[in-house]
């Protein structure tokens, strides 16, 4: 891909970061945006950041939903964001799990966070600048994926309990809106 300079990006986890955390979101009607998340994404759009969702979706491996149902959920997510003037540049997901479910989804892969495969793919496909980018999520594995590529991380407290194994230098914010404040303050 040719053209201007690489863009900065914000890579977002989905559940607990953009929308309310539920155990294995499997139906579009279960998707509920967290307060302020759509507006935060719109602010990133306005400032020229690529906004890419990178999400583990082992519910596919576990047989709780299929890729068509996941596409419906993501269509609902994009429609809900659009109601607030926000858009996503890409949604990438990992359907695998290393020990649950059945092949071809039960396997080790390089796309399941904390592995950085989804981020690496987005960087290549969208011509993104990892040095000017951020990863925002609600678990250590989200920011570990970014740290593997030198991408700064922010953990939000709006989803799962943060837990251990947080990479050094990771920031913490109460929610996506405050995390975006930090990203935009950085320049």
C-alpha atoms as a PDB file:
ATOM      1  CA  UNK A   1       0.000   0.000   0.000  1.00  0.00           C
ATOM      2  CA  UNK A   2       1.413   3.412  -0.898  1.00  0.00           C
ATOM      3  CA  UNK A   3       0.455   6.918  -0.063  1.00  0.00           C
ATOM      4  CA  UNK A   4       1.070   9.359   2.768  1.00  0.00           C
ATOM      5  CA  UNK A   5       2.640   8.685   6.109  1.00  0.00           C
ATOM      6  CA  UNK A   6       1.466   5.884   8.362  1.00  0.00           C
ATOM      7  CA  UNK A   7      -1.460   6.854  10.619  1.00  0.00           C
ATOM      8  CA  UNK A   8      -1.622   6.594  14.373  1.00  0.00           C
ATOM      9  CA  UNK A   9      -4.215   4.155  15.673  1.00  0.00           C
ATOM     10  CA  UNK A  10      -6.063   3.247  18.805  1.00  0.00           C
ATOM     11  CA  UNK A  11      -6.638  -0.498  19.051  1.00  0.00           C
ATOM     12  CA  UNK A  12      -9.658  -1.208  21.231  1.00  0.00           C
ATOM     13  CA  UNK A  13     -10.771  -4.359  22.944  1.00  0.00           C
ATOM     14  CA  UNK A  14     -14.534  -4.755  22.536  1.00  0.00           C
ATOM     15  CA  UNK A  15     -16.223  -6.258  25.612  1.00  0.00           C
ATOM     16  CA  UNK A  16     -15.749  -4.213  28.778  1.00  0.00           C
ATOM     17  CA  UNK A  17     -14.103  -1.393  26.826  1.00  0.00           C
ATOM     18  CA  UNK A  18     -16.677  -0.254  24.234  1.00  0.00           C
ATOM     19  CA  UNK A  19     -19.702  -2.280  25.311  1.00  0.00           C
ATOM     20  CA  UNK A  20     -20.866  -3.762  28.585  1.00  0.00           C
ATOM     21  CA  UNK A  21     -19.089  -6.984  29.564  1.00  0.00           C
ATOM     22  CA  UNK A  22     -21.389 -10.009  29.476  1.00  0.00           C
ATOM     23  CA  UNK A  23     -20.309 -13.623  29.592  1.00  0.00           C
ATOM     24  CA  UNK A  24     -19.912 -14.566  25.912  1.00  0.00           C
ATOM     25  CA  UNK A  25     -21.973 -11.944  24.092  1.00  0.00           C
ATOM     26  CA  UNK A  26     -23.823 -14.145  21.595  1.00  0.00           C
ATOM     27  CA  UNK A  27     -26.793 -12.087  20.354  1.00  0.00           C
ATOM     28  CA  UNK A  28     -26.913  -8.611  18.820  1.00  0.00           C
ATOM     29  CA  UNK A  29     -29.666  -7.522  21.212  1.00  0.00           C
ATOM     30  CA  UNK A  30     -27.305  -8.142  24.170  1.00  0.00           C
ATOM     31  CA  UNK A  31     -24.895  -5.450  22.953  1.00  0.00           C
ATOM     32  CA  UNK A  32     -25.065  -2.310  25.096  1.00  0.00           C
ATOM     33  CA  UNK A  33     -22.576   0.512  24.643  1.00  0.00           C
ATOM     34  CA  UNK A  34     -20.839   1.724  27.775  1.00  0.00           C
ATOM     35  CA  UNK A  35     -21.626   5.361  28.633  1.00  0.00           C
ATOM     36  CA  UNK A  36     -19.359   7.738  26.733  1.00  0.00           C
ATOM     37  CA  UNK A  37     -17.675   5.078  24.588  1.00  0.00           C
ATOM     38  CA  UNK A  38     -19.233   6.149  21.273  1.00  0.00           C
ATOM     39  CA  UNK A  39     -18.419   9.796  21.912  1.00  0.00           C
ATOM     40  CA  UNK A  40     -14.843   8.853  22.802  1.00  0.00           C
ATOM     41  CA  UNK A  41     -14.461   6.966  19.514  1.00  0.00           C
ATOM     42  CA  UNK A  42     -15.933   9.943  17.620  1.00  0.00           C
ATOM     43  CA  UNK A  43     -13.264  12.185  19.188  1.00  0.00           C
ATOM     44  CA  UNK A  44     -10.560   9.795  17.944  1.00  0.00           C
ATOM     45  CA  UNK A  45     -12.135   9.842  14.467  1.00  0.00           C
ATOM     46  CA  UNK A  46     -12.123  13.652  14.466  1.00  0.00           C
ATOM     47  CA  UNK A  47      -8.412  13.740  15.384  1.00  0.00           C
ATOM     48  CA  UNK A  48      -7.428  11.398  12.540  1.00  0.00           C
ATOM     49  CA  UNK A  49      -6.721   8.217  14.498  1.00  0.00           C
ATOM     50  CA  UNK A  50      -7.579   4.893  12.920  1.00  0.00           C
ATOM     51  CA  UNK A  51      -9.846   3.039  15.353  1.00  0.00           C
ATOM     52  CA  UNK A  52      -9.509  -0.732  15.188  1.00  0.00           C
ATOM     53  CA  UNK A  53     -11.332  -3.262  17.355  1.00  0.00           C
ATOM     54  CA  UNK A  54      -9.226  -6.334  18.181  1.00  0.00           C
ATOM     55  CA  UNK A  55     -11.204  -8.917  20.116  1.00  0.00           C
ATOM     56  CA  UNK A  56     -10.854 -12.523  21.255  1.00  0.00           C
ATOM     57  CA  UNK A  57     -14.078 -14.364  20.443  1.00  0.00           C
ATOM     58  CA  UNK A  58     -13.570 -17.871  21.798  1.00  0.00           C
ATOM     59  CA  UNK A  59     -17.360 -18.221  21.967  1.00  0.00           C
ATOM     60  CA  UNK A  60     -17.013 -19.364  18.352  1.00  0.00           C
ATOM     61  CA  UNK A  61     -14.592 -22.144  19.312  1.00  0.00           C
ATOM     62  CA  UNK A  62     -16.900 -23.065  22.203  1.00  0.00           C
ATOM     63  CA  UNK A  63     -19.921 -23.337  19.885  1.00  0.00           C
ATOM     64  CA  UNK A  64     -21.833 -20.470  21.542  1.00  0.00           C
ATOM     65  CA  UNK A  65     -22.110 -18.539  18.282  1.00  0.00           C
ATOM     66  CA  UNK A  66     -20.853 -18.763  14.728  1.00  0.00           C
ATOM     67  CA  UNK A  67     -19.070 -16.246  12.524  1.00  0.00           C
ATOM     68  CA  UNK A  68     -22.346 -15.142  10.895  1.00  0.00           C
ATOM     69  CA  UNK A  69     -23.863 -14.295  14.293  1.00  0.00           C
ATOM     70  CA  UNK A  70     -20.655 -12.463  15.239  1.00  0.00           C
ATOM     71  CA  UNK A  71     -20.975 -10.430  12.020  1.00  0.00           C
ATOM     72  CA  UNK A  72     -24.521  -9.491  13.106  1.00  0.00           C
ATOM     73  CA  UNK A  73     -23.214  -8.384  16.519  1.00  0.00           C
ATOM     74  CA  UNK A  74     -20.532  -6.285  14.854  1.00  0.00           C
ATOM     75  CA  UNK A  75     -23.082  -4.737  12.485  1.00  0.00           C
ATOM     76  CA  UNK A  76     -25.143  -3.772  15.548  1.00  0.00           C
ATOM     77  CA  UNK A  77     -22.013  -2.314  17.195  1.00  0.00           C
ATOM     78  CA  UNK A  78     -21.205  -0.218  14.129  1.00  0.00           C
ATOM     79  CA  UNK A  79     -24.817   0.996  13.848  1.00  0.00           C
ATOM     80  CA  UNK A  80     -24.920   1.958  17.548  1.00  0.00           C
ATOM     81  CA  UNK A  81     -21.641   3.872  17.195  1.00  0.00           C
ATOM     82  CA  UNK A  82     -22.844   5.600  14.011  1.00  0.00           C
ATOM     83  CA  UNK A  83     -25.843   6.974  15.941  1.00  0.00           C
ATOM     84  CA  UNK A  84     -23.254   9.027  17.862  1.00  0.00           C
ATOM     85  CA  UNK A  85     -21.153  10.006  14.850  1.00  0.00           C
ATOM     86  CA  UNK A  86     -18.480   7.376  15.550  1.00  0.00           C
ATOM     87  CA  UNK A  87     -16.979   4.811  13.195  1.00  0.00           C
ATOM     88  CA  UNK A  88     -14.515   1.947  13.260  1.00  0.00           C
ATOM     89  CA  UNK A  89     -11.856   1.513  10.601  1.00  0.00           C
ATOM     90  CA  UNK A  90     -11.766  -2.260  11.093  1.00  0.00           C
ATOM     91  CA  UNK A  91     -12.973  -5.019  13.403  1.00  0.00           C
ATOM     92  CA  UNK A  92     -10.620  -7.990  13.714  1.00  0.00           C
ATOM     93  CA  UNK A  93     -11.379 -11.027  15.835  1.00  0.00           C
ATOM     94  CA  UNK A  94      -9.802 -14.281  16.909  1.00  0.00           C
ATOM     95  CA  UNK A  95     -12.298 -17.207  16.923  1.00  0.00           C
ATOM     96  CA  UNK A  96      -9.804 -19.681  18.392  1.00  0.00           C
ATOM     97  CA  UNK A  97      -9.174 -21.203  21.788  1.00  0.00           C
ATOM     98  CA  UNK A  98      -6.148 -23.367  22.590  1.00  0.00           C
ATOM     99  CA  UNK A  99      -8.079 -26.024  24.543  1.00  0.00           C
ATOM    100  CA  UNK A 100     -11.849 -25.484  24.234  1.00  0.00           C
ATOM    101  CA  UNK A 101     -14.128 -26.428  21.365  1.00  0.00           C
ATOM    102  CA  UNK A 102     -13.452 -28.393  18.211  1.00  0.00           C
ATOM    103  CA  UNK A 103     -11.136 -28.001  15.235  1.00  0.00           C
ATOM    104  CA  UNK A 104     -10.634 -25.886  13.249  1.00  0.00           C
ATOM    105  CA  UNK A 105     -11.232 -23.388  16.054  1.00  0.00           C
ATOM    106  CA  UNK A 106      -9.558 -25.337  18.859  1.00  0.00           C
ATOM    107  CA  UNK A 107      -5.920 -24.532  18.258  1.00  0.00           C
ATOM    108  CA  UNK A 108      -3.055 -22.325  19.257  1.00  0.00           C
ATOM    109  CA  UNK A 109      -2.721 -19.299  17.000  1.00  0.00           C
ATOM    110  CA  UNK A 110      -0.920 -15.987  16.727  1.00  0.00           C
ATOM    111  CA  UNK A 111      -4.125 -13.932  16.719  1.00  0.00           C
ATOM    112  CA  UNK A 112      -5.462 -14.691  20.211  1.00  0.00           C
ATOM    113  CA  UNK A 113      -4.414 -11.919  22.572  1.00  0.00           C
ATOM    114  CA  UNK A 114      -1.946 -11.649  24.260  1.00  0.00           C
ATOM    115  CA  UNK A 115      -0.336 -12.693  20.944  1.00  0.00           C
ATOM    116  CA  UNK A 116      -0.024  -9.629  18.682  1.00  0.00           C
ATOM    117  CA  UNK A 117      -1.244 -11.188  15.412  1.00  0.00           C
ATOM    118  CA  UNK A 118      -4.419  -9.099  15.065  1.00  0.00           C
ATOM    119  CA  UNK A 119      -2.536  -5.873  15.731  1.00  0.00           C
ATOM    120  CA  UNK A 120       0.225  -6.852  13.308  1.00  0.00           C
ATOM    121  CA  UNK A 121      -2.421  -7.567  10.636  1.00  0.00           C
ATOM    122  CA  UNK A 122      -4.144  -4.205  11.158  1.00  0.00           C
ATOM    123  CA  UNK A 123      -0.821  -2.349  11.020  1.00  0.00           C
ATOM    124  CA  UNK A 124       0.009  -3.954   7.679  1.00  0.00           C
ATOM    125  CA  UNK A 125      -3.455  -3.694   6.095  1.00  0.00           C
ATOM    126  CA  UNK A 126      -4.239  -0.136   7.200  1.00  0.00           C
ATOM    127  CA  UNK A 127      -0.676   1.264   7.091  1.00  0.00           C
ATOM    128  CA  UNK A 128      -0.574   2.235  10.752  1.00  0.00           C
ATOM    129  CA  UNK A 129       2.278   3.634  12.841  1.00  0.00           C
ATOM    130  CA  UNK A 130       2.698   1.491  15.981  1.00  0.00           C
ATOM    131  CA  UNK A 131       5.032   4.070  17.585  1.00  0.00           C
ATOM    132  CA  UNK A 132       2.254   6.667  17.524  1.00  0.00           C
ATOM    133  CA  UNK A 133      -0.489   4.229  18.549  1.00  0.00           C
ATOM    134  CA  UNK A 134      -2.180   2.958  21.683  1.00  0.00           C
ATOM    135  CA  UNK A 135      -3.976  -0.205  22.831  1.00  0.00           C
ATOM    136  CA  UNK A 136      -6.922   0.227  25.193  1.00  0.00           C
ATOM    137  CA  UNK A 137      -8.568  -2.730  26.896  1.00  0.00           C
ATOM    138  CA  UNK A 138      -9.881  -4.116  30.142  1.00  0.00           C
ATOM    139  CA  UNK A 139      -7.423  -6.974  30.695  1.00  0.00           C
ATOM    140  CA  UNK A 140      -3.681  -7.441  30.859  1.00  0.00           C
ATOM    141  CA  UNK A 141      -3.714  -9.572  27.701  1.00  0.00           C
ATOM    142  CA  UNK A 142      -5.017  -6.597  25.700  1.00  0.00           C
ATOM    143  CA  UNK A 143      -2.056  -4.390  26.572  1.00  0.00           C
ATOM    144  CA  UNK A 144       0.389  -7.324  26.454  1.00  0.00           C
ATOM    145  CA  UNK A 145      -0.476  -7.728  22.755  1.00  0.00           C
ATOM    146  CA  UNK A 146       0.415  -4.092  22.174  1.00  0.00           C
ATOM    147  CA  UNK A 147       3.552  -4.214  24.310  1.00  0.00           C
ATOM    148  CA  UNK A 148       4.861  -7.051  22.121  1.00  0.00           C
ATOM    149  CA  UNK A 149       4.949  -4.532  19.257  1.00  0.00           C
ATOM    150  CA  UNK A 150       6.077  -1.514  21.281  1.00  0.00           C
ATOM    151  CA  UNK A 151       2.580  -0.006  21.427  1.00  0.00           C
ATOM    152  CA  UNK A 152       1.628   1.924  24.561  1.00  0.00           C
ATOM    153  CA  UNK A 153      -1.259   0.612  26.634  1.00  0.00           C
ATOM    154  CA  UNK A 154      -4.108   1.855  28.785  1.00  0.00           C
ATOM    155  CA  UNK A 155      -6.240  -0.437  30.912  1.00  0.00           C
ATOM    156  CA  UNK A 156      -9.813   0.610  31.616  1.00  0.00           C
ATOM    157  CA  UNK A 157     -11.640  -0.337  34.789  1.00  0.00           C
ATOM    158  CA  UNK A 158     -15.028  -0.661  33.048  1.00  0.00           C
ATOM    159  CA  UNK A 159     -14.872  -4.398  32.358  1.00  0.00           C
ATOM    160  CA  UNK A 160     -13.029  -7.281  33.950  1.00  0.00           C
ATOM    161  CA  UNK A 161     -10.857  -6.991  37.018  1.00  0.00           C
ATOM    162  CA  UNK A 162      -7.462  -5.870  35.733  1.00  0.00           C
ATOM    163  CA  UNK A 163      -5.432  -8.611  37.435  1.00  0.00           C
ATOM    164  CA  UNK A 164      -1.702  -9.251  37.195  1.00  0.00           C
ATOM    165  CA  UNK A 165       0.943  -9.384  34.460  1.00  0.00           C
ATOM    166  CA  UNK A 166       0.413  -5.796  33.379  1.00  0.00           C
ATOM    167  CA  UNK A 167       3.327  -4.550  31.239  1.00  0.00           C
ATOM    168  CA  UNK A 168       5.470  -1.773  32.754  1.00  0.00           C
ATOM    169  CA  UNK A 169       4.352   1.713  31.778  1.00  0.00           C
ATOM    170  CA  UNK A 170       0.698   0.727  31.299  1.00  0.00           C
ATOM    171  CA  UNK A 171      -1.666   3.502  32.305  1.00  0.00           C
ATOM    172  CA  UNK A 172      -5.038   2.947  33.993  1.00  0.00           C
ATOM    173  CA  UNK A 173      -8.243   4.903  33.348  1.00  0.00           C
ATOM    174  CA  UNK A 174     -11.765   4.436  34.700  1.00  0.00           C
ATOM    175  CA  UNK A 175     -13.310   4.106  31.218  1.00  0.00           C
ATOM    176  CA  UNK A 176     -12.755   4.624  27.501  1.00  0.00           C
ATOM    177  CA  UNK A 177     -13.619   8.329  27.632  1.00  0.00           C
ATOM    178  CA  UNK A 178     -10.826   8.989  30.163  1.00  0.00           C
ATOM    179  CA  UNK A 179      -8.423   6.771  28.224  1.00  0.00           C
ATOM    180  CA  UNK A 180      -9.116   8.801  25.069  1.00  0.00           C
ATOM    181  CA  UNK A 181      -8.498  12.003  27.055  1.00  0.00           C
ATOM    182  CA  UNK A 182      -5.005  10.630  27.798  1.00  0.00           C
ATOM    183  CA  UNK A 183      -4.382   9.601  24.183  1.00  0.00           C
ATOM    184  CA  UNK A 184      -5.411  13.016  22.868  1.00  0.00           C
ATOM    185  CA  UNK A 185      -3.390  14.855  25.525  1.00  0.00           C
ATOM    186  CA  UNK A 186      -0.339  12.994  24.260  1.00  0.00           C
ATOM    187  CA  UNK A 187      -0.683  14.740  20.951  1.00  0.00           C
END
